[in-house]
């Protein structure tokens, strides 16, 4: 993962995506499709219309895994295509960036400790607490993520993993995981 400073990414604070990166990667991964197909896929991804966050997240997860089905017209002829968001066969064609202190605005202004962008999509968020603070518990990180989901839900539409850590213990879950379902992050 490439470390990127949040200030180096130009965007509106209410935009959860790195749109420039998303557009570039979608075009690169789908060179056989015209710009109109890429634009339709991007519109579908940005405007998932469901009643709640969990359902919207499930739709995006399907798009991420399977691609976005589109129909478009070229020279008066209607065509169908599948726009890939990730190249699973050639990982080097994707961008993996971790951003510190990503500021965002929804119902309130928030700042994520770490945000992981896959091709410009915020697929993971880490909330970190200091191990030297006597009052900071890993539970505080969990509660802060829950607060973020209420205040800036648009970012969590794209989320695949939530990480909470006090740098002594790290746990991973999803947007639907209760604190008891965040599992310990183990490395070999």
Protein backbone atom coordinates (compact mmCIF):
# COMPACT_ATOMS: atom_id res chain seq x y z
CA UNK A 1 0.00 0.00 0.00
CA UNK A 2 1.26 3.45 -0.89
CA UNK A 3 1.12 6.07 1.88
CA UNK A 4 -0.63 9.23 0.71
CA UNK A 5 -1.23 12.47 2.59
CA UNK A 6 -4.91 13.44 2.58
CA UNK A 7 -3.98 16.97 1.51
CA UNK A 8 -2.49 15.59 -1.72
CA UNK A 9 -5.90 14.36 -2.95
CA UNK A 10 -8.03 17.12 -4.46
CA UNK A 11 -11.69 16.59 -3.73
CA UNK A 12 -14.78 18.07 -2.11
CA UNK A 13 -15.04 17.02 1.53
CA UNK A 14 -18.53 15.61 1.05
CA UNK A 15 -17.23 13.29 -1.71
CA UNK A 16 -16.39 9.86 -0.23
CA UNK A 17 -14.45 8.73 -3.31
CA UNK A 18 -11.19 9.83 -4.83
CA UNK A 19 -13.13 10.48 -8.03
CA UNK A 20 -10.12 11.25 -10.18
CA UNK A 21 -8.54 7.90 -9.26
CA UNK A 22 -11.85 6.03 -9.68
CA UNK A 23 -12.38 7.43 -13.19
CA UNK A 24 -8.79 6.76 -14.24
CA UNK A 25 -8.78 3.14 -12.95
CA UNK A 26 -12.21 2.35 -14.40
CA UNK A 27 -11.03 3.59 -17.80
CA UNK A 28 -7.75 1.66 -17.57
CA UNK A 29 -9.42 -1.59 -16.50
CA UNK A 30 -12.11 -1.37 -19.18
CA UNK A 31 -10.24 -0.17 -22.28
CA UNK A 32 -12.61 -2.13 -24.52
CA UNK A 33 -15.61 -0.05 -23.38
CA UNK A 34 -16.44 3.50 -24.52
CA UNK A 35 -16.48 6.45 -22.09
CA UNK A 36 -20.29 6.44 -22.08
CA UNK A 37 -20.25 2.93 -20.52
CA UNK A 38 -17.69 3.98 -17.89
CA UNK A 39 -19.79 7.05 -17.04
CA UNK A 40 -22.94 4.95 -16.65
CA UNK A 41 -21.13 2.53 -14.33
CA UNK A 42 -19.79 5.41 -12.25
CA UNK A 43 -23.28 6.88 -11.97
CA UNK A 44 -24.64 3.52 -10.80
CA UNK A 45 -21.88 3.16 -8.20
CA UNK A 46 -22.31 6.71 -6.89
CA UNK A 47 -26.12 6.54 -6.78
CA UNK A 48 -27.00 3.19 -5.27
CA UNK A 49 -30.61 3.72 -4.32
CA UNK A 50 -31.56 1.53 -1.39
CA UNK A 51 -33.34 2.21 1.84
CA UNK A 52 -30.43 1.69 4.18
CA UNK A 53 -26.67 1.61 4.42
CA UNK A 54 -26.38 -2.17 4.76
CA UNK A 55 -28.31 -2.81 1.53
CA UNK A 56 -26.34 -0.14 -0.33
CA UNK A 57 -23.10 -1.69 0.93
CA UNK A 58 -24.23 -5.12 -0.29
CA UNK A 59 -24.92 -3.74 -3.78
CA UNK A 60 -21.49 -2.09 -3.93
CA UNK A 61 -19.83 -5.30 -2.72
CA UNK A 62 -21.46 -7.13 -5.62
CA UNK A 63 -20.24 -4.43 -8.03
CA UNK A 64 -16.74 -4.73 -6.58
CA UNK A 65 -16.69 -8.51 -6.93
CA UNK A 66 -18.57 -8.96 -10.20
CA UNK A 67 -18.49 -5.63 -12.06
CA UNK A 68 -21.23 -3.19 -12.99
CA UNK A 69 -23.64 -4.15 -15.76
CA UNK A 70 -24.28 -1.30 -18.17
CA UNK A 71 -26.22 -0.65 -21.34
CA UNK A 72 -25.14 2.08 -23.70
CA UNK A 73 -25.64 3.27 -27.26
CA UNK A 74 -22.87 3.54 -29.85
CA UNK A 75 -23.69 4.77 -33.37
CA UNK A 76 -27.40 4.22 -32.73
CA UNK A 77 -26.87 0.63 -31.64
CA UNK A 78 -27.70 -0.48 -28.10
CA UNK A 79 -25.00 -2.55 -26.41
CA UNK A 80 -24.40 -4.17 -23.03
CA UNK A 81 -21.19 -4.45 -21.09
CA UNK A 82 -19.63 -5.19 -17.73
CA UNK A 83 -17.45 -2.54 -16.13
CA UNK A 84 -14.82 -3.95 -13.77
CA UNK A 85 -13.92 -1.90 -10.68
CA UNK A 86 -10.96 -4.13 -9.75
CA UNK A 87 -8.64 -6.37 -11.71
CA UNK A 88 -8.43 -9.50 -9.57
CA UNK A 89 -6.23 -11.34 -12.08
CA UNK A 90 -3.56 -8.61 -12.34
CA UNK A 91 -3.23 -6.87 -8.98
CA UNK A 92 -0.57 -4.50 -10.37
CA UNK A 93 -3.27 -2.82 -12.49
CA UNK A 94 -5.00 -1.62 -9.30
CA UNK A 95 -4.02 1.19 -6.97
CA UNK A 96 -3.70 0.55 -3.25
CA UNK A 97 -3.36 3.68 -1.14
CA UNK A 98 -3.63 4.35 2.57
CA UNK A 99 -4.50 7.89 3.59
CA UNK A 100 -3.95 9.41 7.03
CA UNK A 101 -6.40 11.90 8.48
CA UNK A 102 -9.00 11.74 5.69
CA UNK A 103 -11.50 14.54 6.36
CA UNK A 104 -15.07 14.13 5.27
CA UNK A 105 -18.38 15.87 5.67
CA UNK A 106 -21.85 14.38 5.95
CA UNK A 107 -24.26 15.21 8.75
CA UNK A 108 -21.13 16.31 10.63
CA UNK A 109 -17.44 16.84 9.87
CA UNK A 110 -15.29 13.79 10.62
CA UNK A 111 -11.69 12.70 10.18
CA UNK A 112 -10.67 9.06 9.78
CA UNK A 113 -7.34 7.96 11.23
CA UNK A 114 -6.63 5.70 8.25
CA UNK A 115 -8.64 5.19 5.09
CA UNK A 116 -7.66 2.49 2.59
CA UNK A 117 -8.46 3.28 -1.03
CA UNK A 118 -8.66 0.53 -3.64
CA UNK A 119 -8.79 2.18 -7.06
CA UNK A 120 -10.15 5.28 -5.33
CA UNK A 121 -12.89 3.48 -3.39
CA UNK A 122 -12.71 3.67 0.44
CA UNK A 123 -12.81 -0.07 1.13
CA UNK A 124 -11.40 -0.07 4.67
CA UNK A 125 -11.32 2.32 7.61
CA UNK A 126 -9.11 2.02 10.68
CA UNK A 127 -9.76 3.82 13.94
CA UNK A 128 -6.71 3.89 16.17
CA UNK A 129 -6.41 4.63 19.87
CA UNK A 130 -3.17 5.29 21.70
CA UNK A 131 -1.85 2.41 23.84
CA UNK A 132 -0.28 4.95 26.20
CA UNK A 133 -3.57 6.60 27.09
CA UNK A 134 -5.00 5.15 30.28
CA UNK A 135 -8.53 6.05 29.21
CA UNK A 136 -8.46 4.87 25.57
CA UNK A 137 -9.87 1.39 25.12
CA UNK A 138 -10.42 -0.57 21.95
CA UNK A 139 -14.15 -0.18 22.70
CA UNK A 140 -13.70 3.56 22.18
CA UNK A 141 -12.46 2.89 18.64
CA UNK A 142 -15.50 0.70 17.96
CA UNK A 143 -17.90 3.35 19.28
CA UNK A 144 -16.20 6.02 17.22
CA UNK A 145 -16.65 3.95 14.04
CA UNK A 146 -20.34 3.52 14.88
CA UNK A 147 -20.60 7.27 15.35
CA UNK A 148 -18.95 7.80 11.96
CA UNK A 149 -21.47 5.47 10.30
CA UNK A 150 -24.27 7.71 11.57
CA UNK A 151 -22.58 11.00 10.67
CA UNK A 152 -20.95 10.14 7.32
CA UNK A 153 -22.79 7.08 6.01
CA UNK A 154 -21.85 7.74 2.38
CA UNK A 155 -18.27 6.66 3.04
CA UNK A 156 -19.42 3.35 4.49
CA UNK A 157 -21.41 2.42 1.38
CA UNK A 158 -18.06 1.34 -0.11
CA UNK A 159 -16.57 -0.14 3.06
CA UNK A 160 -15.48 -3.79 3.17
CA UNK A 161 -13.52 -3.81 6.43
CA UNK A 162 -13.50 -1.82 9.66
CA UNK A 163 -10.39 -2.04 11.80
CA UNK A 164 -10.21 -0.98 15.44
CA UNK A 165 -6.95 -0.90 17.34
CA UNK A 166 -5.25 0.44 20.42
CA UNK A 167 -1.95 -0.62 18.80
CA UNK A 168 -1.64 -3.47 21.28
CA UNK A 169 -4.75 -5.26 20.05
CA UNK A 170 -6.30 -4.99 16.62
CA UNK A 171 -9.66 -6.33 15.52
CA UNK A 172 -11.45 -6.42 12.21
CA UNK A 173 -15.14 -6.48 11.37
CA UNK A 174 -17.68 -5.10 8.93
CA UNK A 175 -20.32 -2.40 9.10
CA UNK A 176 -22.80 -4.95 10.43
CA UNK A 177 -20.51 -6.41 13.10
CA UNK A 178 -21.33 -5.80 16.73
CA UNK A 179 -18.29 -5.21 18.90
CA UNK A 180 -18.33 -8.87 19.96
CA UNK A 181 -18.04 -9.88 16.28
CA UNK A 182 -14.88 -7.87 15.63
CA UNK A 183 -12.26 -10.59 15.50
CA UNK A 184 -8.64 -10.36 16.52
CA UNK A 185 -6.28 -9.50 13.68
CA UNK A 186 -3.62 -12.20 13.65
CA UNK A 187 -0.44 -12.23 11.64
CA UNK A 188 2.01 -15.06 11.09
